Amino acid sequence: MIRRIPTALALVALAGFILLPLAQTILLSFTATLPHDGVTEGEISLINYRNIFASPALVDSLRNSLVYVLLNVALCLIAGLPAAYAFARYRFVGDRHFLFLMLAFRVTPPVVLSLPIFILFAQFGLVNSPVGIALVHCLFNLPIAIWILESFIAAVPREFDETAFLDGHSLPGFFLRHLIPAIAPGIGVAAFFCFVFSWVEVVFARILTVTDGKPITMAINALFTFQTDFGLVMAMTIFSLLPGLAMIWFVRNHIARGFVIRT
């Protein structure tokens, strides 16, 4: 029992180190850091959260972020599932090398491709649009989705496919009725990582939203001025955490099962 005390103390210290900034953020989000009508500086109130919904720019940033992140996840899954199935079930010259090249492209610094992507998207009218951000995020997240889904599909025996086809299922019917339920944990893992990578990305969100369509990350950055309302910044930070927490809640079982399956 005594031997466990240092371990317990270390875990408590680690938890405090991780949770203390979050606790301070939550406290500041309910604190008026600047004087407002009817609210004195330092008073605990909901003024910061009310100011979020009173600002059209901040409300638009929340909506823009949700639109492009959800669109990015949908595109990655729709395009990644057939590609992952092809890599898992068929063999062609250079298939492993091609998959490796896609993963290598994912680790390319985004700033290297920022100028050509901006010029290309400007020609197609995709600048200052959440759709443009979703497409460029899909470009970087799709290799991760394919890599995750391919490993889960490869773990499913080929007899599973053959049995479904012998029963008269078409390829789309097999995907919808058999394959997707069988690899639901993998889809949850892929969706989670695509969501997180897209939600926290800043480079393309800054470059592709010059005047309009700004996401929540750029809205928070714009709040830092000569006289910054840190309470409002912390309130927006809390709002930026909520979709990620909701995503974790909805796919928590799939993520847990997915990692257990692969181990």
Protein backbone atom coordinates (compact mmCIF):
# COMPACT_ATOMS: atom_id res chain seq x y z
CA MET A 1 0.00 0.00 0.00
CA ILE A 2 2.81 2.41 0.91
CA ARG A 3 4.55 1.71 -2.38
CA ARG A 4 1.51 3.00 -4.26
CA ILE A 5 1.60 6.42 -2.57
CA PRO A 6 4.32 7.91 -4.86
CA THR A 7 2.42 6.66 -7.92
CA ALA A 8 -0.82 8.17 -6.65
CA LEU A 9 0.89 11.47 -5.88
CA ALA A 10 2.45 11.52 -9.34
CA LEU A 11 -0.95 10.91 -10.96
CA VAL A 12 -2.52 13.67 -8.86
CA ALA A 13 0.26 16.07 -9.80
CA LEU A 14 -0.14 15.16 -13.49
CA ALA A 15 -3.91 15.63 -13.31
CA GLY A 16 -3.45 19.00 -11.63
CA PHE A 17 -0.93 20.07 -14.25
CA ILE A 18 -3.37 19.17 -17.03
CA LEU A 19 -6.61 20.39 -15.44
CA LEU A 20 -5.39 23.60 -13.81
CA PRO A 21 -5.23 25.61 -17.07
CA LEU A 22 -8.68 24.29 -18.01
CA ALA A 23 -10.09 25.28 -14.63
CA GLN A 24 -8.59 28.76 -14.96
CA THR A 25 -10.05 29.06 -18.46
CA ILE A 26 -13.52 28.13 -17.22
CA LEU A 27 -13.25 30.58 -14.31
CA LEU A 28 -12.13 33.45 -16.54
CA SER A 29 -14.92 32.73 -19.03
CA PHE A 30 -17.42 33.61 -16.30
CA THR A 31 -15.45 36.67 -15.14
CA ALA A 32 -15.94 40.16 -16.56
CA THR A 33 -12.40 41.21 -17.38
CA LEU A 34 -13.59 44.55 -18.81
CA PRO A 35 -16.38 46.79 -17.50
CA HIS A 36 -19.73 46.36 -19.27
CA ASP A 37 -23.17 47.90 -18.86
CA GLY A 38 -24.44 46.81 -15.47
CA VAL A 39 -21.42 44.56 -14.82
CA THR A 40 -18.30 45.66 -13.00
CA GLU A 41 -14.83 44.39 -13.78
CA GLY A 42 -14.05 41.16 -11.91
CA GLU A 43 -17.70 40.25 -11.37
CA ILE A 44 -18.82 36.66 -11.98
CA SER A 45 -21.56 36.64 -14.61
CA LEU A 46 -22.65 35.30 -18.00
CA ILE A 47 -21.78 38.54 -19.78
CA ASN A 48 -18.99 36.95 -21.85
CA TYR A 49 -21.27 34.22 -23.19
CA ARG A 50 -24.01 36.77 -23.91
CA ASN A 51 -21.51 38.87 -25.82
CA ILE A 52 -20.66 35.89 -28.02
CA PHE A 53 -24.23 35.59 -29.27
CA ALA A 54 -24.52 39.37 -29.48
CA SER A 55 -21.67 39.46 -32.00
CA PRO A 56 -22.65 38.36 -35.55
CA ALA A 57 -18.97 37.77 -36.40
CA LEU A 58 -18.48 35.32 -33.52
CA VAL A 59 -21.73 33.48 -34.26
CA ASP A 60 -20.75 33.20 -37.91
CA SER A 61 -17.34 31.82 -36.95
CA LEU A 62 -18.96 29.07 -34.88
CA ARG A 63 -21.25 28.16 -37.77
CA ASN A 64 -18.42 28.28 -40.31
CA SER A 65 -16.25 25.97 -38.22
CA LEU A 66 -19.00 23.40 -37.80
CA VAL A 67 -19.83 23.50 -41.51
CA TYR A 68 -16.34 22.96 -42.85
CA VAL A 69 -15.32 20.41 -40.20
CA LEU A 70 -18.41 18.24 -40.69
CA LEU A 71 -18.09 18.56 -44.47
CA ASN A 72 -14.43 17.56 -44.23
CA VAL A 73 -15.28 14.46 -42.18
CA ALA A 74 -18.05 13.46 -44.59
CA LEU A 75 -15.81 13.88 -47.65
CA CYS A 76 -12.95 11.95 -46.06
CA LEU A 77 -15.20 9.01 -45.17
CA ILE A 78 -17.06 8.97 -48.50
CA ALA A 79 -13.84 9.06 -50.53
CA GLY A 80 -11.69 7.12 -48.09
CA LEU A 81 -13.87 4.04 -47.68
CA PRO A 82 -13.78 2.88 -51.35
CA ALA A 83 -10.07 3.74 -51.61
CA ALA A 84 -9.28 1.83 -48.42
CA TYR A 85 -11.29 -1.16 -49.69
CA ALA A 86 -9.28 -1.14 -52.93
CA PHE A 87 -5.97 -1.09 -51.04
CA ALA A 88 -7.11 -3.86 -48.69
CA ARG A 89 -8.65 -6.23 -51.24
CA TYR A 90 -6.74 -5.71 -54.50
CA ARG A 91 -3.08 -5.84 -55.38
CA PHE A 92 -1.48 -3.74 -58.10
CA VAL A 93 2.02 -2.57 -58.95
CA GLY A 94 3.21 0.01 -56.45
CA ASP A 95 0.14 -0.18 -54.18
CA ARG A 96 2.11 -0.09 -50.92
CA HIS A 97 4.40 2.60 -52.27
CA PHE A 98 1.43 4.71 -53.30
CA LEU A 99 -0.11 4.39 -49.85
CA PHE A 100 3.22 5.37 -48.31
CA LEU A 101 3.45 8.42 -50.58
CA MET A 102 0.00 9.57 -49.47
CA LEU A 103 1.05 9.32 -45.84
CA ALA A 104 4.28 11.19 -46.64
CA PHE A 105 2.20 13.93 -48.25
CA ARG A 106 0.23 14.23 -44.99
CA VAL A 107 3.35 15.24 -43.06
CA THR A 108 4.24 17.95 -45.59
CA PRO A 109 4.19 21.36 -43.85
CA PRO A 110 0.96 23.11 -44.89
CA VAL A 111 2.72 26.45 -45.35
CA VAL A 112 4.72 24.96 -48.25
CA LEU A 113 1.50 24.49 -50.27
CA SER A 114 -0.29 27.61 -49.07
CA LEU A 115 0.53 29.83 -52.06
CA PRO A 116 -0.40 27.39 -54.89
CA ILE A 117 -3.55 26.33 -53.05
CA PHE A 118 -4.58 29.95 -52.52
CA ILE A 119 -4.04 30.78 -56.20
CA LEU A 120 -5.95 27.68 -57.33
CA PHE A 121 -8.86 28.24 -54.94
CA ALA A 122 -9.04 31.93 -55.87
CA GLN A 123 -9.55 30.95 -59.52
CA PHE A 124 -12.46 28.70 -58.55
CA GLY A 125 -14.01 31.20 -56.13
CA LEU A 126 -13.38 29.04 -53.04
CA VAL A 127 -11.58 31.71 -50.99
CA ASN A 128 -13.55 33.13 -48.02
CA SER A 129 -15.76 30.03 -48.02
CA PRO A 130 -16.04 27.17 -45.50
CA VAL A 131 -16.29 24.82 -48.49
CA GLY A 132 -12.78 25.80 -49.58
CA ILE A 133 -11.36 25.07 -46.14
CA ALA A 134 -13.18 21.72 -46.04
CA LEU A 135 -11.72 20.71 -49.40
CA VAL A 136 -8.15 21.59 -48.51
CA HIS A 137 -8.47 19.87 -45.13
CA CYS A 138 -9.82 16.81 -46.92
CA LEU A 139 -6.69 16.85 -49.07
CA PHE A 140 -4.54 16.43 -45.95
CA ASN A 141 -6.87 14.24 -43.88
CA LEU A 142 -7.85 11.77 -46.60
CA PRO A 143 -4.53 9.83 -46.41
CA ILE A 144 -5.05 9.35 -42.66
CA ALA A 145 -8.62 8.14 -43.22
CA ILE A 146 -7.52 5.70 -45.93
CA TRP A 147 -4.68 4.38 -43.78
CA ILE A 148 -6.95 3.77 -40.76
CA LEU A 149 -9.82 2.28 -42.75
CA GLU A 150 -7.52 0.06 -44.81
CA SER A 151 -6.14 -1.60 -41.70
CA PHE A 152 -9.64 -2.35 -40.41
CA ILE A 153 -10.88 -3.69 -43.74
CA ALA A 154 -7.77 -5.88 -44.09
CA ALA A 155 -8.63 -7.45 -40.72
CA VAL A 156 -12.01 -8.62 -42.11
CA PRO A 157 -11.68 -12.06 -43.80
CA ARG A 158 -12.17 -12.14 -47.56
CA GLU A 159 -14.81 -14.82 -47.08
CA PHE A 160 -17.00 -12.12 -45.58
CA ASP A 161 -17.09 -10.35 -48.96
CA GLU A 162 -17.50 -13.53 -50.99
CA THR A 163 -20.45 -14.69 -48.90
CA ALA A 164 -22.24 -11.38 -49.37
CA PHE A 165 -21.66 -11.40 -53.13
CA LEU A 166 -22.87 -15.03 -53.39
CA ASP A 167 -26.05 -13.93 -51.61
CA GLY A 168 -26.66 -11.51 -54.47
CA HIS A 169 -25.53 -8.24 -52.91
CA SER A 170 -24.09 -5.59 -55.19
CA LEU A 171 -20.93 -3.74 -54.19
CA PRO A 172 -22.85 -0.65 -52.89
CA GLY A 173 -25.28 -2.93 -51.05
CA PHE A 174 -22.39 -4.87 -49.55
CA PHE A 175 -20.80 -1.63 -48.35
CA LEU A 176 -23.96 -0.29 -46.73
CA ARG A 177 -25.37 -3.50 -45.23
CA HIS A 178 -22.27 -5.48 -44.30
CA LEU A 179 -18.91 -3.73 -44.53
CA ILE A 180 -19.76 -0.46 -42.80
CA PRO A 181 -21.36 -2.17 -39.74
CA ALA A 182 -18.41 -4.58 -39.57
CA ILE A 183 -15.79 -1.80 -39.48
CA ALA A 184 -17.84 0.75 -37.52
CA PRO A 185 -15.06 1.10 -34.91
CA GLY A 186 -12.59 1.96 -37.66
CA ILE A 187 -14.98 4.52 -39.13
CA GLY A 188 -15.31 6.06 -35.67
CA VAL A 189 -11.53 6.29 -35.29
CA ALA A 190 -11.11 7.80 -38.77
CA ALA A 191 -13.91 10.31 -38.20
CA PHE A 192 -12.42 11.33 -34.87
CA PHE A 193 -8.96 12.05 -36.25
CA CYS A 194 -10.31 13.86 -39.33
CA PHE A 195 -12.48 15.99 -37.06
CA VAL A 196 -9.65 16.86 -34.66
CA PHE A 197 -7.08 17.60 -37.37
CA SER A 198 -9.53 19.86 -39.17
CA TRP A 199 -10.83 21.63 -36.06
CA VAL A 200 -7.40 22.68 -34.78
CA GLU A 201 -5.83 23.54 -38.16
CA VAL A 202 -4.87 27.22 -38.43
CA VAL A 203 -2.65 27.80 -41.48
CA PHE A 204 -5.20 27.26 -44.25
CA ALA A 205 -8.00 28.67 -42.11
CA ARG A 206 -6.02 31.93 -41.98
CA ILE A 207 -4.94 31.96 -45.64
CA LEU A 208 -8.28 31.03 -47.22
CA THR A 209 -10.45 33.37 -45.12
CA VAL A 210 -9.22 36.86 -45.94
CA THR A 211 -12.44 38.83 -45.45
CA ASP A 212 -15.25 36.33 -44.85
CA GLY A 213 -15.94 32.76 -43.76
CA LYS A 214 -13.57 32.93 -40.80
CA PRO A 215 -13.63 29.91 -38.47
CA ILE A 216 -13.56 29.98 -34.70
CA THR A 217 -9.74 29.84 -34.53
CA MET A 218 -9.45 33.05 -36.54
CA ALA A 219 -12.27 34.66 -34.57
CA ILE A 220 -10.41 34.00 -31.32
CA ASN A 221 -7.21 35.38 -32.81
CA ALA A 222 -9.04 38.54 -33.89
CA LEU A 223 -10.15 39.16 -30.29
CA PHE A 224 -6.57 39.95 -29.24
CA THR A 225 -6.43 43.72 -29.65
CA PHE A 226 -4.93 46.72 -27.84
CA GLN A 227 -7.52 46.21 -25.08
CA THR A 228 -8.24 42.48 -25.07
CA ASP A 229 -11.33 41.18 -23.31
CA PHE A 230 -9.77 38.02 -21.91
CA GLY A 231 -13.06 36.88 -20.44
CA LEU A 232 -14.59 36.87 -23.92
CA VAL A 233 -11.52 35.07 -25.29
CA MET A 234 -11.86 32.36 -22.65
CA ALA A 235 -15.60 32.03 -23.32
CA MET A 236 -14.89 31.50 -27.03
CA THR A 237 -12.20 28.99 -26.06
CA ILE A 238 -14.75 27.02 -24.05
CA PHE A 239 -17.10 27.05 -27.04
CA SER A 240 -14.27 25.78 -29.22
CA LEU A 241 -13.89 22.77 -26.90
CA LEU A 242 -17.56 21.78 -26.92
CA PRO A 243 -17.78 20.27 -30.45
CA GLY A 244 -14.66 18.21 -29.81
CA LEU A 245 -16.10 16.91 -26.54
CA ALA A 246 -19.37 16.12 -28.30
CA MET A 247 -17.46 14.25 -31.02
CA ILE A 248 -15.61 12.20 -28.41
CA TRP A 249 -18.91 11.42 -26.67
CA PHE A 250 -20.65 10.18 -29.81
CA VAL A 251 -17.78 8.01 -31.08
CA ARG A 252 -16.34 6.98 -27.71
CA ASN A 253 -17.50 3.37 -27.99
CA HIS A 254 -16.26 3.03 -31.57
CA ILE A 255 -12.89 4.54 -30.69
CA ALA A 256 -12.42 2.24 -27.70
CA ARG A 257 -13.47 -0.84 -29.66
CA GLY A 258 -11.35 0.22 -32.59
CA PHE A 259 -8.12 0.46 -30.66
CA VAL A 260 -8.86 -2.80 -28.83
CA ILE A 261 -9.49 -4.58 -32.13
CA ARG A 262 -6.23 -3.39 -33.65
CA THR A 263 -4.20 -4.40 -30.61
